[in-house]
Amino acid sequence: MTTTVPPRRARMYLLEFLITTGILFLIVTAARWLFAPDAPLGSTVRGRAAFALMAVVFGVVNTVIIHYSMTRRTAGHMNPSVSIGLWLLRAFPGRDVLPFCVAQFAGAFAGTALGRLVWGPAVESVRYSAVGAADGWDFWDVLAAETVGQLICMTLVAGLLLRPRWEFLIPSVVGVCIAGFIFILGPVAGGAVNPARQLGPAVFSGNTAFLAAYLVGPVLGAALAAALAAGLRPPAAPAAPAPQAGAEPVPPPAPAERTR
C-alpha cells in the first residue's frame, strides 16, 4: 500500500532543504572571503577577529531563521541533532525526523556544491569550509567538545520548553550558543556541533579527519540533554479515579455561607 505525504509536510521538508542549502552556502562563502589566501577580508580580519566576525554573523542569521521557524511553525532546524533532540524532548513528531535529516544532509551537499559553483577553485584552499581540530587534539577530545556543546545548547532549549512563557527566548539562546561554538571551539576543535554542516564540506574536500566525532558528538549531546530534561520534568498530576459501577454519585459540596 502506497502512502502520500501531505502537501504541507512536503513543503516543510523542501523548505528545510532550502534553508540548510542557504546556510551551507553562506558558510562556504564566509570561509572563502575570510580565510582563502586571496581573501579580500583576510588582510584586515585575522585570527580570533575572523572567528568573532563569523560568530556574530551566523549567530544573528540562525536567530532570525529559528524565530521565523517558531512563529510560523515550519522548518528551520538545519541540524540533524536538533531534530533528533526535539523529538526526544517530545517537541517534534517522530514521523518528521528522518525526512528532516535527509533534507538537512541533502542541503549540506547542495550548499557546498553551490559555493564551489559560485566561487570556483578558491573554496578548495579553505577545504570547502570543513572544520578541523588544532594540533594536540585527538578523536576523543573532539567528540567530547561536540557532545558537551550540544548538551549545553539543548539543555537550555529543554529548560525553556518546560516554561512556555519563556519559549520566545529560544531563538536568541540558540543564536548565542552557535556564536559561542564558532568563537570558542572554532579555533581548537572546529565547533561544528552539526553533523550536516561538517559532512558536506568534509566529503567535498576529502578532509574526513575525526568525521565520526563530528557526526556522533552532537547527536549524543542532544540525547543526553533530553535524558536530563526527562529527569527534571515535574511528574504529571494523577488522574481522578473512575467511579465504581453501581456507586451513587457524590453531590458537590454546598457553597460556604457568607460570614456576617
C-alpha atoms as a PDB file:
ATOM      1  CA  MET A   1       0.000   0.000   0.000  1.00  0.00           C
ATOM      2  CA  THR A   2       1.431   3.357  -1.022  1.00  0.00           C
ATOM      3  CA  THR A   3       1.366   6.401   1.197  1.00  0.00           C
ATOM      4  CA  THR A   4       1.490  10.029   0.169  1.00  0.00           C
ATOM      5  CA  VAL A   5       2.994  12.931   2.079  1.00  0.00           C
ATOM      6  CA  PRO A   6       0.502  15.727   2.745  1.00  0.00           C
ATOM      7  CA  PRO A   7       1.355  18.884   0.764  1.00  0.00           C
ATOM      8  CA  ARG A   8       2.038  20.948   3.899  1.00  0.00           C
ATOM      9  CA  ARG A   9       4.601  18.446   5.223  1.00  0.00           C
ATOM     10  CA  ALA A  10       6.188  18.097   1.776  1.00  0.00           C
ATOM     11  CA  ARG A  11       6.597  21.886   1.619  1.00  0.00           C
ATOM     12  CA  MET A  12       8.125  21.817   5.096  1.00  0.00           C
ATOM     13  CA  TYR A  13      10.716  19.217   4.031  1.00  0.00           C
ATOM     14  CA  LEU A  14      11.536  21.241   0.922  1.00  0.00           C
ATOM     15  CA  LEU A  15      11.929  24.403   2.978  1.00  0.00           C
ATOM     16  CA  GLU A  16      14.267  22.603   5.395  1.00  0.00           C
ATOM     17  CA  PHE A  17      16.378  21.559   2.412  1.00  0.00           C
ATOM     18  CA  LEU A  18      16.465  25.102   1.008  1.00  0.00           C
ATOM     19  CA  ILE A  19      17.301  26.731   4.351  1.00  0.00           C
ATOM     20  CA  THR A  20      20.128  24.274   5.012  1.00  0.00           C
ATOM     21  CA  THR A  21      21.406  24.816   1.474  1.00  0.00           C
ATOM     22  CA  GLY A  22      21.467  28.560   2.086  1.00  0.00           C
ATOM     23  CA  ILE A  23      23.267  28.230   5.415  1.00  0.00           C
ATOM     24  CA  LEU A  24      25.973  25.984   3.953  1.00  0.00           C
ATOM     25  CA  PHE A  25      26.429  28.342   1.008  1.00  0.00           C
ATOM     26  CA  LEU A  26      26.906  31.218   3.470  1.00  0.00           C
ATOM     27  CA  ILE A  27      29.410  29.160   5.466  1.00  0.00           C
ATOM     28  CA  VAL A  28      31.445  28.329   2.357  1.00  0.00           C
ATOM     29  CA  THR A  29      31.228  31.972   1.267  1.00  0.00           C
ATOM     30  CA  ALA A  30      32.419  33.244   4.627  1.00  0.00           C
ATOM     31  CA  ALA A  31      35.365  30.839   4.615  1.00  0.00           C
ATOM     32  CA  ARG A  32      36.314  31.911   1.093  1.00  0.00           C
ATOM     33  CA  TRP A  33      36.230  35.648   1.912  1.00  0.00           C
ATOM     34  CA  LEU A  34      37.927  35.371   5.300  1.00  0.00           C
ATOM     35  CA  PHE A  35      40.411  32.504   5.134  1.00  0.00           C
ATOM     36  CA  ALA A  36      41.401  31.908   1.493  1.00  0.00           C
ATOM     37  CA  PRO A  37      44.924  33.068   0.508  1.00  0.00           C
ATOM     38  CA  ASP A  38      43.446  35.803  -1.713  1.00  0.00           C
ATOM     39  CA  ALA A  39      40.570  36.632   0.651  1.00  0.00           C
ATOM     40  CA  PRO A  40      39.718  40.358   0.446  1.00  0.00           C
ATOM     41  CA  LEU A  41      38.960  40.464   4.178  1.00  0.00           C
ATOM     42  CA  GLY A  42      41.806  38.184   5.192  1.00  0.00           C
ATOM     43  CA  SER A  43      44.354  41.008   5.321  1.00  0.00           C
ATOM     44  CA  THR A  44      42.335  43.047   7.805  1.00  0.00           C
ATOM     45  CA  VAL A  45      40.360  40.429   9.761  1.00  0.00           C
ATOM     46  CA  ARG A  46      42.640  37.693  11.029  1.00  0.00           C
ATOM     47  CA  GLY A  47      42.821  35.024  13.701  1.00  0.00           C
ATOM     48  CA  ARG A  48      40.348  35.434  16.531  1.00  0.00           C
ATOM     49  CA  ALA A  49      38.860  38.509  14.886  1.00  0.00           C
ATOM     50  CA  ALA A  50      37.812  36.418  11.887  1.00  0.00           C
ATOM     51  CA  PHE A  51      36.158  33.860  14.144  1.00  0.00           C
ATOM     52  CA  ALA A  52      34.476  36.669  16.081  1.00  0.00           C
ATOM     53  CA  LEU A  53      33.039  38.099  12.868  1.00  0.00           C
ATOM     54  CA  MET A  54      31.742  34.696  11.800  1.00  0.00           C
ATOM     55  CA  ALA A  55      30.309  34.135  15.274  1.00  0.00           C
ATOM     56  CA  VAL A  56      28.311  37.369  15.154  1.00  0.00           C
ATOM     57  CA  VAL A  57      27.083  36.857  11.592  1.00  0.00           C
ATOM     58  CA  PHE A  58      25.964  33.254  11.984  1.00  0.00           C
ATOM     59  CA  GLY A  59      24.617  33.815  15.471  1.00  0.00           C
ATOM     60  CA  VAL A  60      22.317  36.527  14.105  1.00  0.00           C
ATOM     61  CA  VAL A  61      21.387  34.564  10.972  1.00  0.00           C
ATOM     62  CA  ASN A  62      20.439  31.479  12.966  1.00  0.00           C
ATOM     63  CA  THR A  63      18.466  33.562  15.458  1.00  0.00           C
ATOM     64  CA  VAL A  64      16.400  35.081  12.656  1.00  0.00           C
ATOM     65  CA  ILE A  65      15.768  31.731  10.970  1.00  0.00           C
ATOM     66  CA  ILE A  66      14.767  29.982  14.195  1.00  0.00           C
ATOM     67  CA  HIS A  67      12.480  32.873  15.161  1.00  0.00           C
ATOM     68  CA  TYR A  68      10.763  32.564  11.774  1.00  0.00           C
ATOM     69  CA  SER A  69      10.549  28.791  12.193  1.00  0.00           C
ATOM     70  CA  MET A  70       8.916  29.030  15.610  1.00  0.00           C
ATOM     71  CA  THR A  71       6.437  31.778  14.741  1.00  0.00           C
ATOM     72  CA  ARG A  72       5.363  30.075  11.510  1.00  0.00           C
ATOM     73  CA  ARG A  73       5.636  26.547  12.947  1.00  0.00           C
ATOM     74  CA  THR A  74       7.608  25.365   9.958  1.00  0.00           C
ATOM     75  CA  ALA A  75      11.103  24.196   9.031  1.00  0.00           C
ATOM     76  CA  GLY A  76      14.311  25.706  10.327  1.00  0.00           C
ATOM     77  CA  HIS A  77      16.291  23.139  12.334  1.00  0.00           C
ATOM     78  CA  MET A  78      19.225  22.947   9.879  1.00  0.00           C
ATOM     79  CA  ASN A  79      20.823  20.340  12.131  1.00  0.00           C
ATOM     80  CA  PRO A  80      20.017  16.610  12.417  1.00  0.00           C
ATOM     81  CA  SER A  81      20.977  16.546  16.093  1.00  0.00           C
ATOM     82  CA  VAL A  82      18.444  19.321  16.771  1.00  0.00           C
ATOM     83  CA  SER A  83      15.651  17.396  15.043  1.00  0.00           C
ATOM     84  CA  ILE A  84      16.532  14.239  16.973  1.00  0.00           C
ATOM     85  CA  GLY A  85      16.847  16.149  20.229  1.00  0.00           C
ATOM     86  CA  LEU A  86      13.492  17.900  19.826  1.00  0.00           C
ATOM     87  CA  TRP A  87      11.881  14.542  19.072  1.00  0.00           C
ATOM     88  CA  LEU A  88      13.373  13.071  22.239  1.00  0.00           C
ATOM     89  CA  LEU A  89      12.058  16.112  24.097  1.00  0.00           C
ATOM     90  CA  ARG A  90       8.591  15.356  22.674  1.00  0.00           C
ATOM     91  CA  ALA A  91       8.563  18.719  20.925  1.00  0.00           C
ATOM     92  CA  PHE A  92       8.799  17.352  17.364  1.00  0.00           C
ATOM     93  CA  PRO A  93       6.861  14.486  15.728  1.00  0.00           C
ATOM     94  CA  GLY A  94       8.842  11.318  15.167  1.00  0.00           C
ATOM     95  CA  ARG A  95       7.430  10.843  11.662  1.00  0.00           C
ATOM     96  CA  ASP A  96       9.255  14.006  10.535  1.00  0.00           C
ATOM     97  CA  VAL A  97      12.693  13.232  11.985  1.00  0.00           C
ATOM     98  CA  LEU A  98      14.017  11.093   9.118  1.00  0.00           C
ATOM     99  CA  PRO A  99      12.698  13.370   6.323  1.00  0.00           C
ATOM    100  CA  PHE A 100      14.190  16.389   8.095  1.00  0.00           C
ATOM    101  CA  CYS A 101      17.566  14.686   8.488  1.00  0.00           C
ATOM    102  CA  VAL A 102      17.566  13.668   4.819  1.00  0.00           C
ATOM    103  CA  ALA A 103      16.670  17.234   3.810  1.00  0.00           C
ATOM    104  CA  GLN A 104      19.450  18.636   6.013  1.00  0.00           C
ATOM    105  CA  PHE A 105      22.155  16.348   4.675  1.00  0.00           C
ATOM    106  CA  ALA A 106      20.992  16.932   1.101  1.00  0.00           C
ATOM    107  CA  GLY A 107      21.019  20.674   1.746  1.00  0.00           C
ATOM    108  CA  ALA A 108      24.533  20.452   3.145  1.00  0.00           C
ATOM    109  CA  PHE A 109      25.791  18.852  -0.072  1.00  0.00           C
ATOM    110  CA  ALA A 110      23.797  21.241  -2.257  1.00  0.00           C
ATOM    111  CA  GLY A 111      25.012  24.328  -0.386  1.00  0.00           C
ATOM    112  CA  THR A 112      28.626  23.196  -0.549  1.00  0.00           C
ATOM    113  CA  ALA A 113      28.323  22.460  -4.265  1.00  0.00           C
ATOM    114  CA  LEU A 114      26.719  25.860  -4.831  1.00  0.00           C
ATOM    115  CA  GLY A 115      29.633  27.507  -3.075  1.00  0.00           C
ATOM    116  CA  ARG A 116      32.051  25.723  -5.402  1.00  0.00           C
ATOM    117  CA  LEU A 117      29.999  26.757  -8.424  1.00  0.00           C
ATOM    118  CA  VAL A 118      29.855  30.426  -7.424  1.00  0.00           C
ATOM    119  CA  TRP A 119      33.352  30.963  -6.004  1.00  0.00           C
ATOM    120  CA  GLY A 120      35.310  28.461  -8.061  1.00  0.00           C
ATOM    121  CA  PRO A 121      38.583  26.793  -7.037  1.00  0.00           C
ATOM    122  CA  ALA A 122      39.166  29.353  -4.264  1.00  0.00           C
ATOM    123  CA  VAL A 123      36.984  27.311  -1.929  1.00  0.00           C
ATOM    124  CA  GLU A 124      39.323  24.346  -2.298  1.00  0.00           C
ATOM    125  CA  SER A 125      42.040  26.297  -0.487  1.00  0.00           C
ATOM    126  CA  VAL A 126      39.764  26.527   2.575  1.00  0.00           C
ATOM    127  CA  ARG A 127      38.655  22.878   2.278  1.00  0.00           C
ATOM    128  CA  TYR A 128      35.101  23.923   1.413  1.00  0.00           C
ATOM    129  CA  SER A 129      34.861  25.300   4.997  1.00  0.00           C
ATOM    130  CA  ALA A 130      35.279  21.851   6.583  1.00  0.00           C
ATOM    131  CA  VAL A 131      36.335  22.369  10.198  1.00  0.00           C
ATOM    132  CA  GLY A 132      39.262  20.651  11.849  1.00  0.00           C
ATOM    133  CA  ALA A 133      40.972  20.250  15.186  1.00  0.00           C
ATOM    134  CA  ALA A 134      44.105  22.043  16.318  1.00  0.00           C
ATOM    135  CA  ASP A 135      47.374  20.242  16.912  1.00  0.00           C
ATOM    136  CA  GLY A 136      47.234  18.121  20.040  1.00  0.00           C
ATOM    137  CA  TRP A 137      43.503  17.395  19.777  1.00  0.00           C
ATOM    138  CA  ASP A 138      42.571  13.767  19.181  1.00  0.00           C
ATOM    139  CA  PHE A 139      39.333  11.983  18.326  1.00  0.00           C
ATOM    140  CA  TRP A 140      38.110  11.794  21.913  1.00  0.00           C
ATOM    141  CA  ASP A 141      38.802  15.472  22.534  1.00  0.00           C
ATOM    142  CA  VAL A 142      36.735  16.453  19.507  1.00  0.00           C
ATOM    143  CA  LEU A 143      33.956  14.027  20.435  1.00  0.00           C
ATOM    144  CA  ALA A 144      33.816  15.494  23.949  1.00  0.00           C
ATOM    145  CA  ALA A 145      33.748  19.084  22.645  1.00  0.00           C
ATOM    146  CA  GLU A 146      30.955  18.367  20.165  1.00  0.00           C
ATOM    147  CA  THR A 147      28.967  16.415  22.757  1.00  0.00           C
ATOM    148  CA  VAL A 148      29.262  18.997  25.514  1.00  0.00           C
ATOM    149  CA  GLY A 149      28.500  21.842  23.133  1.00  0.00           C
ATOM    150  CA  GLN A 150      25.196  20.353  22.023  1.00  0.00           C
ATOM    151  CA  LEU A 151      24.434  19.150  25.551  1.00  0.00           C
ATOM    152  CA  ILE A 152      24.614  22.731  26.825  1.00  0.00           C
ATOM    153  CA  CYS A 153      22.576  24.165  23.977  1.00  0.00           C
ATOM    154  CA  MET A 154      19.817  21.555  24.019  1.00  0.00           C
ATOM    155  CA  THR A 155      19.608  21.612  27.819  1.00  0.00           C
ATOM    156  CA  LEU A 156      18.924  25.342  27.672  1.00  0.00           C
ATOM    157  CA  VAL A 157      16.311  24.755  24.969  1.00  0.00           C
ATOM    158  CA  ALA A 158      14.700  21.995  27.029  1.00  0.00           C
ATOM    159  CA  GLY A 159      14.531  24.263  30.050  1.00  0.00           C
ATOM    160  CA  LEU A 160      12.781  26.958  28.038  1.00  0.00           C
ATOM    161  CA  LEU A 161      10.362  24.428  26.542  1.00  0.00           C
ATOM    162  CA  LEU A 162       9.332  23.412  30.054  1.00  0.00           C
ATOM    163  CA  ARG A 163       8.274  27.029  30.644  1.00  0.00           C
ATOM    164  CA  PRO A 164       6.025  28.029  27.727  1.00  0.00           C
ATOM    165  CA  ARG A 165       6.078  31.711  28.606  1.00  0.00           C
ATOM    166  CA  TRP A 166       9.847  31.719  28.051  1.00  0.00           C
ATOM    167  CA  GLU A 167       9.834  29.914  24.690  1.00  0.00           C
ATOM    168  CA  PHE A 168      10.283  33.222  22.868  1.00  0.00           C
ATOM    169  CA  LEU A 169      13.888  33.236  24.159  1.00  0.00           C
ATOM    170  CA  ILE A 170      14.828  30.040  22.312  1.00  0.00           C
ATOM    171  CA  PRO A 171      15.986  31.701  19.043  1.00  0.00           C
ATOM    172  CA  SER A 172      18.257  34.124  20.882  1.00  0.00           C
ATOM    173  CA  VAL A 173      19.650  31.422  23.185  1.00  0.00           C
ATOM    174  CA  VAL A 174      20.445  29.129  20.260  1.00  0.00           C
ATOM    175  CA  GLY A 175      21.985  32.024  18.336  1.00  0.00           C
ATOM    176  CA  VAL A 176      24.257  32.834  21.276  1.00  0.00           C
ATOM    177  CA  CYS A 177      25.214  29.147  21.582  1.00  0.00           C
ATOM    178  CA  ILE A 178      26.127  28.957  17.898  1.00  0.00           C
ATOM    179  CA  ALA A 179      28.187  32.133  18.181  1.00  0.00           C
ATOM    180  CA  GLY A 180      29.965  30.613  21.169  1.00  0.00           C
ATOM    181  CA  PHE A 181      30.673  27.379  19.310  1.00  0.00           C
ATOM    182  CA  ILE A 182      32.288  29.311  16.471  1.00  0.00           C
ATOM    183  CA  PHE A 183      34.315  31.704  18.612  1.00  0.00           C
ATOM    184  CA  ILE A 184      35.391  29.363  21.429  1.00  0.00           C
ATOM    185  CA  LEU A 185      35.548  25.941  19.805  1.00  0.00           C
ATOM    186  CA  GLY A 186      36.222  27.012  16.221  1.00  0.00           C
ATOM    187  CA  PRO A 187      39.974  27.630  16.531  1.00  0.00           C
ATOM    188  CA  VAL A 188      40.652  24.495  18.610  1.00  0.00           C
ATOM    189  CA  ALA A 189      38.090  21.789  17.851  1.00  0.00           C
ATOM    190  CA  GLY A 190      36.197  23.079  14.835  1.00  0.00           C
ATOM    191  CA  GLY A 191      32.968  23.852  16.665  1.00  0.00           C
ATOM    192  CA  ALA A 192      30.631  22.437  14.034  1.00  0.00           C
ATOM    193  CA  VAL A 193      28.121  20.942  16.524  1.00  0.00           C
ATOM    194  CA  ASN A 194      26.068  20.000  13.463  1.00  0.00           C
ATOM    195  CA  PRO A 195      26.578  16.723  11.575  1.00  0.00           C
ATOM    196  CA  ALA A 196      25.206  18.133   8.312  1.00  0.00           C
ATOM    197  CA  ARG A 197      27.367  21.264   8.475  1.00  0.00           C
ATOM    198  CA  GLN A 198      30.512  19.121   8.617  1.00  0.00           C
ATOM    199  CA  LEU A 199      29.575  16.204   6.372  1.00  0.00           C
ATOM    200  CA  GLY A 200      29.019  18.163   3.147  1.00  0.00           C
ATOM    201  CA  PRO A 201      32.290  20.120   3.224  1.00  0.00           C
ATOM    202  CA  ALA A 202      34.234  17.113   4.547  1.00  0.00           C
ATOM    203  CA  VAL A 203      33.149  14.894   1.656  1.00  0.00           C
ATOM    204  CA  PHE A 204      33.821  17.573  -0.973  1.00  0.00           C
ATOM    205  CA  SER A 205      37.253  18.384   0.423  1.00  0.00           C
ATOM    206  CA  GLY A 206      38.253  14.858   1.410  1.00  0.00           C
ATOM    207  CA  ASN A 207      39.047  16.189   4.887  1.00  0.00           C
ATOM    208  CA  THR A 208      37.387  13.412   6.883  1.00  0.00           C
ATOM    209  CA  ALA A 209      39.636  13.511   9.966  1.00  0.00           C
ATOM    210  CA  PHE A 210      37.591  12.816  13.109  1.00  0.00           C
ATOM    211  CA  LEU A 211      34.438  12.838  10.960  1.00  0.00           C
ATOM    212  CA  ALA A 212      32.744  10.259  13.173  1.00  0.00           C
ATOM    213  CA  ALA A 213      33.219  12.559  16.181  1.00  0.00           C
ATOM    214  CA  TYR A 214      31.593  15.448  14.320  1.00  0.00           C
ATOM    215  CA  LEU A 215      28.674  13.212  13.310  1.00  0.00           C
ATOM    216  CA  VAL A 216      28.094  11.384  16.597  1.00  0.00           C
ATOM    217  CA  GLY A 217      29.000  14.038  19.177  1.00  0.00           C
ATOM    218  CA  PRO A 218      26.111  16.476  18.577  1.00  0.00           C
ATOM    219  CA  VAL A 219      23.541  13.647  18.484  1.00  0.00           C
ATOM    220  CA  LEU A 220      24.916  12.222  21.703  1.00  0.00           C
ATOM    221  CA  GLY A 221      24.789  15.643  23.341  1.00  0.00           C
ATOM    222  CA  ALA A 222      21.176  16.157  22.267  1.00  0.00           C
ATOM    223  CA  ALA A 223      20.205  12.721  23.607  1.00  0.00           C
ATOM    224  CA  LEU A 224      21.887  13.430  26.952  1.00  0.00           C
ATOM    225  CA  ALA A 225      20.065  16.763  27.180  1.00  0.00           C
ATOM    226  CA  ALA A 226      16.740  15.029  26.544  1.00  0.00           C
ATOM    227  CA  ALA A 227      17.501  12.462  29.236  1.00  0.00           C
ATOM    228  CA  LEU A 228      18.410  15.208  31.681  1.00  0.00           C
ATOM    229  CA  ALA A 229      15.215  17.111  30.875  1.00  0.00           C
ATOM    230  CA  ALA A 230      13.141  13.958  31.379  1.00  0.00           C
ATOM    231  CA  GLY A 231      14.619  13.557  34.840  1.00  0.00           C
ATOM    232  CA  LEU A 232      13.865  17.161  35.745  1.00  0.00           C
ATOM    233  CA  ARG A 233      10.364  17.264  34.270  1.00  0.00           C
ATOM    234  CA  PRO A 234       7.745  17.543  37.041  1.00  0.00           C
ATOM    235  CA  PRO A 235       5.526  14.447  37.368  1.00  0.00           C
ATOM    236  CA  ALA A 236       2.092  14.638  35.819  1.00  0.00           C
ATOM    237  CA  ALA A 237      -0.835  15.115  38.187  1.00  0.00           C
ATOM    238  CA  PRO A 238      -2.546  11.796  38.966  1.00  0.00           C
ATOM    239  CA  ALA A 239      -5.843  11.237  37.189  1.00  0.00           C
ATOM    240  CA  ALA A 240      -9.024  11.171  39.275  1.00  0.00           C
ATOM    241  CA  PRO A 241     -10.187   7.587  39.953  1.00  0.00           C
ATOM    242  CA  ALA A 242     -13.144   6.410  37.910  1.00  0.00           C
ATOM    243  CA  PRO A 243     -16.377   5.856  39.894  1.00  0.00           C
ATOM    244  CA  GLN A 244     -17.154   2.241  40.654  1.00  0.00           C
ATOM    245  CA  ALA A 245     -20.098   0.592  38.972  1.00  0.00           C
ATOM    246  CA  GLY A 246     -23.311   0.969  40.938  1.00  0.00           C
ATOM    247  CA  ALA A 247     -21.936   3.657  43.242  1.00  0.00           C
ATOM    248  CA  GLU A 248     -24.110   6.700  43.762  1.00  0.00           C
ATOM    249  CA  PRO A 249     -22.607   9.968  42.549  1.00  0.00           C
ATOM    250  CA  VAL A 250     -21.363  12.215  45.322  1.00  0.00           C
ATOM    251  CA  PRO A 251     -23.028  15.627  45.175  1.00  0.00           C
ATOM    252  CA  PRO A 252     -20.735  18.652  45.074  1.00  0.00           C
ATOM    253  CA  PRO A 253     -20.218  20.375  48.414  1.00  0.00           C
ATOM    254  CA  ALA A 254     -22.557  23.232  49.189  1.00  0.00           C
ATOM    255  CA  PRO A 255     -21.027  26.679  48.957  1.00  0.00           C
ATOM    256  CA  ALA A 256     -19.879  28.073  52.266  1.00  0.00           C
ATOM    257  CA  GLU A 257     -22.187  30.584  53.933  1.00  0.00           C
ATOM    258  CA  ARG A 258     -21.016  34.162  53.961  1.00  0.00           C
ATOM    259  CA  THR A 259     -19.664  35.365  57.229  1.00  0.00           C
ATOM    260  CA  ARG A 260     -21.993  38.010  58.527  1.00  0.00           C
END
